[in-house]
PDB file of N, CA and C in Angstrom:
ATOM      1  N   MET A   1     -13.265   1.154 -33.290  1.00  0.00           N
ATOM      2  CA  MET A   1     -12.570   1.750 -34.173  1.00  0.00           C
ATOM      3  C   MET A   1     -14.188   2.923 -34.723  1.00  0.00           C
ATOM      4  N   LYS A   2     -15.350   2.223 -34.867  1.00  0.00           N
ATOM      5  CA  LYS A   2     -16.223   2.859 -35.052  1.00  0.00           C
ATOM      6  C   LYS A   2     -16.724   4.121 -34.321  1.00  0.00           C
ATOM      7  N   LYS A   3     -16.484   4.155 -32.682  1.00  0.00           N
ATOM      8  CA  LYS A   3     -16.505   5.149 -32.062  1.00  0.00           C
ATOM      9  C   LYS A   3     -15.850   6.483 -32.251  1.00  0.00           C
ATOM     10  N   TRP A   4     -14.366   6.051 -32.732  1.00  0.00           N
ATOM     11  CA  TRP A   4     -13.424   6.768 -32.829  1.00  0.00           C
ATOM     12  C   TRP A   4     -13.755   7.572 -34.344  1.00  0.00           C
ATOM     13  N   ALA A   5     -14.135   7.174 -35.337  1.00  0.00           N
ATOM     14  CA  ALA A   5     -14.696   7.792 -36.547  1.00  0.00           C
ATOM     15  C   ALA A   5     -15.820   8.541 -36.659  1.00  0.00           C
ATOM     16  N   LEU A   6     -16.692   7.972 -35.478  1.00  0.00           N
ATOM     17  CA  LEU A   6     -18.001   8.848 -35.397  1.00  0.00           C
ATOM     18  C   LEU A   6     -17.559  10.024 -34.554  1.00  0.00           C
ATOM     19  N   SER A   7     -16.671  10.090 -33.327  1.00  0.00           N
ATOM     20  CA  SER A   7     -16.529  11.114 -32.858  1.00  0.00           C
ATOM     21  C   SER A   7     -15.751  12.048 -33.883  1.00  0.00           C
ATOM     22  N   ALA A   8     -14.522  11.652 -34.870  1.00  0.00           N
ATOM     23  CA  ALA A   8     -14.075  12.478 -35.405  1.00  0.00           C
ATOM     24  C   ALA A   8     -15.047  13.317 -36.746  1.00  0.00           C
ATOM     25  N   ILE A   9     -16.174  12.430 -36.948  1.00  0.00           N
ATOM     26  CA  ILE A   9     -17.041  13.260 -38.041  1.00  0.00           C
ATOM     27  C   ILE A   9     -17.892  14.246 -37.199  1.00  0.00           C
ATOM     28  N   LEU A  10     -18.033  13.913 -35.841  1.00  0.00           N
ATOM     29  CA  LEU A  10     -19.038  15.052 -34.998  1.00  0.00           C
ATOM     30  C   LEU A  10     -18.077  16.166 -34.735  1.00  0.00           C
ATOM     31  N   TYR A  11     -17.038  15.973 -34.394  1.00  0.00           N
ATOM     32  CA  TYR A  11     -16.035  17.123 -34.177  1.00  0.00           C
ATOM     33  C   TYR A  11     -15.797  17.766 -35.313  1.00  0.00           C
ATOM     34  N   PHE A  12     -15.466  17.356 -36.550  1.00  0.00           N
ATOM     35  CA  PHE A  12     -15.693  17.780 -37.547  1.00  0.00           C
ATOM     36  C   PHE A  12     -16.683  19.060 -37.881  1.00  0.00           C
ATOM     37  N   ILE A  13     -17.962  18.374 -37.873  1.00  0.00           N
ATOM     38  CA  ILE A  13     -19.287  18.992 -38.385  1.00  0.00           C
ATOM     39  C   ILE A  13     -19.448  20.123 -37.094  1.00  0.00           C
ATOM     40  N   VAL A  14     -18.928  19.919 -35.902  1.00  0.00           N
ATOM     41  CA  VAL A  14     -19.039  21.037 -34.923  1.00  0.00           C
ATOM     42  C   VAL A  14     -18.012  22.243 -35.157  1.00  0.00           C
ATOM     43  N   VAL A  15     -17.168  21.967 -35.387  1.00  0.00           N
ATOM     44  CA  VAL A  15     -15.961  22.966 -36.148  1.00  0.00           C
ATOM     45  C   VAL A  15     -16.479  23.747 -37.018  1.00  0.00           C
ATOM     46  N   VAL A  16     -16.930  22.952 -38.225  1.00  0.00           N
ATOM     47  CA  VAL A  16     -17.373  23.705 -39.369  1.00  0.00           C
ATOM     48  C   VAL A  16     -18.294  24.634 -38.943  1.00  0.00           C
ATOM     49  N   GLY A  17     -19.519  23.910 -38.273  1.00  0.00           N
ATOM     50  CA  GLY A  17     -20.843  24.693 -38.194  1.00  0.00           C
ATOM     51  C   GLY A  17     -20.503  26.108 -37.305  1.00  0.00           C
ATOM     52  N   SER A  18     -19.490  25.900 -36.152  1.00  0.00           N
ATOM     53  CA  SER A  18     -18.777  26.930 -35.758  1.00  0.00           C
ATOM     54  C   SER A  18     -18.356  27.891 -36.097  1.00  0.00           C
ATOM     55  N   TYR A  19     -17.597  27.559 -37.058  1.00  0.00           N
ATOM     56  CA  TYR A  19     -17.034  28.544 -38.213  1.00  0.00           C
ATOM     57  C   TYR A  19     -18.016  29.483 -38.975  1.00  0.00           C
ATOM     58  N   TYR A  20     -18.816  28.673 -39.408  1.00  0.00           N
ATOM     59  CA  TYR A  20     -20.157  29.237 -40.329  1.00  0.00           C
ATOM     60  C   TYR A  20     -20.920  30.137 -39.519  1.00  0.00           C
ATOM     61  N   ALA A  21     -21.327  29.617 -38.104  1.00  0.00           N
ATOM     62  CA  ALA A  21     -21.925  30.642 -37.666  1.00  0.00           C
ATOM     63  C   ALA A  21     -21.190  32.027 -37.250  1.00  0.00           C
ATOM     64  N   TYR A  22     -19.898  31.864 -36.721  1.00  0.00           N
ATOM     65  CA  TYR A  22     -19.044  32.848 -36.542  1.00  0.00           C
ATOM     66  C   TYR A  22     -19.121  33.840 -37.804  1.00  0.00           C
ATOM     67  N   THR A  23     -19.055  33.347 -38.692  1.00  0.00           N
ATOM     68  CA  THR A  23     -18.800  34.528 -40.090  1.00  0.00           C
ATOM     69  C   THR A  23     -20.277  34.872 -40.194  1.00  0.00           C
ATOM     70  N   ALA A  24     -21.142  34.218 -40.057  1.00  0.00           N
ATOM     71  CA  ALA A  24     -22.476  35.105 -40.028  1.00  0.00           C
ATOM     72  C   ALA A  24     -22.659  35.789 -39.432  1.00  0.00           C
ATOM     73  N   ILE A  25     -22.327  35.714 -38.082  1.00  0.00           N
ATOM     74  CA  ILE A  25     -22.640  36.953 -37.188  1.00  0.00           C
ATOM     75  C   ILE A  25     -21.640  38.422 -37.058  1.00  0.00           C
ATOM     76  N   SER A  26     -20.502  37.885 -37.411  1.00  0.00           N
ATOM     77  CA  SER A  26     -19.155  38.723 -37.195  1.00  0.00           C
ATOM     78  C   SER A  26     -19.604  39.970 -38.481  1.00  0.00           C
ATOM     79  N   ASP A  27     -19.176  40.978 -38.305  1.00  0.00           N
ATOM     80  CA  ASP A  27     -19.388  42.412 -38.696  1.00  0.00           C
ATOM     81  C   ASP A  27     -18.279  42.405 -40.372  1.00  0.00           C
ATOM     82  N   THR A  28     -17.035  41.407 -39.954  1.00  0.00           N
ATOM     83  CA  THR A  28     -16.004  41.720 -41.255  1.00  0.00           C
ATOM     84  C   THR A  28     -16.346  40.836 -42.379  1.00  0.00           C
ATOM     85  N   PRO A  29     -16.372  41.465 -43.439  1.00  0.00           N
ATOM     86  CA  PRO A  29     -16.451  40.569 -44.903  1.00  0.00           C
ATOM     87  C   PRO A  29     -15.519  39.542 -44.872  1.00  0.00           C
ATOM     88  N   THR A  30     -16.136  38.096 -45.199  1.00  0.00           N
ATOM     89  CA  THR A  30     -15.250  37.297 -45.934  1.00  0.00           C
ATOM     90  C   THR A  30     -15.018  37.014 -47.329  1.00  0.00           C
ATOM     91  N   LYS A  31     -15.981  37.260 -48.101  1.00  0.00           N
ATOM     92  CA  LYS A  31     -16.046  36.971 -49.423  1.00  0.00           C
ATOM     93  C   LYS A  31     -15.758  38.430 -50.171  1.00  0.00           C
ATOM     94  N   GLY A  32     -15.066  38.283 -51.311  1.00  0.00           N
ATOM     95  CA  GLY A  32     -14.873  39.565 -52.166  1.00  0.00           C
ATOM     96  C   GLY A  32     -13.881  40.224 -51.697  1.00  0.00           C
ATOM     97  N   VAL A  33     -13.219  39.871 -50.735  1.00  0.00           N
ATOM     98  CA  VAL A  33     -11.937  40.997 -50.460  1.00  0.00           C
ATOM     99  C   VAL A  33     -10.705  41.080 -51.309  1.00  0.00           C
ATOM    100  N   ASP A  34     -10.387  41.988 -51.462  1.00  0.00           N
ATOM    101  CA  ASP A  34      -9.154  42.156 -52.585  1.00  0.00           C
ATOM    102  C   ASP A  34      -8.031  42.808 -51.935  1.00  0.00           C
ATOM    103  N   HIS A  35      -7.332  41.966 -51.800  1.00  0.00           N
ATOM    104  CA  HIS A  35      -5.843  42.545 -50.894  1.00  0.00           C
ATOM    105  C   HIS A  35      -4.881  43.443 -52.070  1.00  0.00           C
ATOM    106  N   SER A  36      -5.068  43.015 -53.031  1.00  0.00           N
ATOM    107  CA  SER A  36      -4.155  43.830 -54.264  1.00  0.00           C
ATOM    108  C   SER A  36      -4.874  45.346 -54.867  1.00  0.00           C
ATOM    109  N   ASN A  37      -4.767  46.142 -53.577  1.00  0.00           N
ATOM    110  CA  ASN A  37      -5.363  47.499 -53.872  1.00  0.00           C
ATOM    111  C   ASN A  37      -4.566  48.194 -54.800  1.00  0.00           C
ATOM    112  N   THR A  38      -4.775  48.221 -55.878  1.00  0.00           N
ATOM    113  CA  THR A  38      -3.734  48.742 -57.115  1.00  0.00           C
ATOM    114  C   THR A  38      -4.033  50.331 -57.077  1.00  0.00           C
ATOM    115  N   GLU A  39      -5.423  51.153 -56.767  1.00  0.00           N
ATOM    116  CA  GLU A  39      -5.701  52.261 -57.027  1.00  0.00           C
ATOM    117  C   GLU A  39      -4.714  53.122 -56.133  1.00  0.00           C
ATOM    118  N   GLN A  40      -4.259  52.677 -55.077  1.00  0.00           N
ATOM    119  CA  GLN A  40      -3.390  53.673 -54.322  1.00  0.00           C
ATOM    120  C   GLN A  40      -2.009  53.493 -54.870  1.00  0.00           C
ATOM    121  N   HIS A  41      -1.445  52.441 -55.492  1.00  0.00           N
ATOM    122  CA  HIS A  41      -0.181  52.405 -56.247  1.00  0.00           C
ATOM    123  C   HIS A  41      -0.018  53.305 -57.363  1.00  0.00           C
ATOM    124  N   ASN A  42      -1.179  53.393 -58.161  1.00  0.00           N
ATOM    125  CA  ASN A  42      -0.821  54.252 -59.390  1.00  0.00           C
ATOM    126  C   ASN A  42      -0.746  55.504 -59.125  1.00  0.00           C
ATOM    127  N   GLN A  43       0.263  56.462 -59.940  1.00  0.00           N
ATOM    128  CA  GLN A  43       0.518  57.736 -59.494  1.00  0.00           C
ATOM    129  C   GLN A  43       0.514  58.485 -60.604  1.00  0.00           C
TER     130      GLN A  43
END
């Protein structure tokens, strides 16, 4: 049971670390994106 729990925690750390590394390297902004672009809808 300990090996299973340790493997699960290690896997989670690798996945989260990979995600943060990808977002740091990628050019697309992930914070502050506003999808409700109201400027185009006002006439």
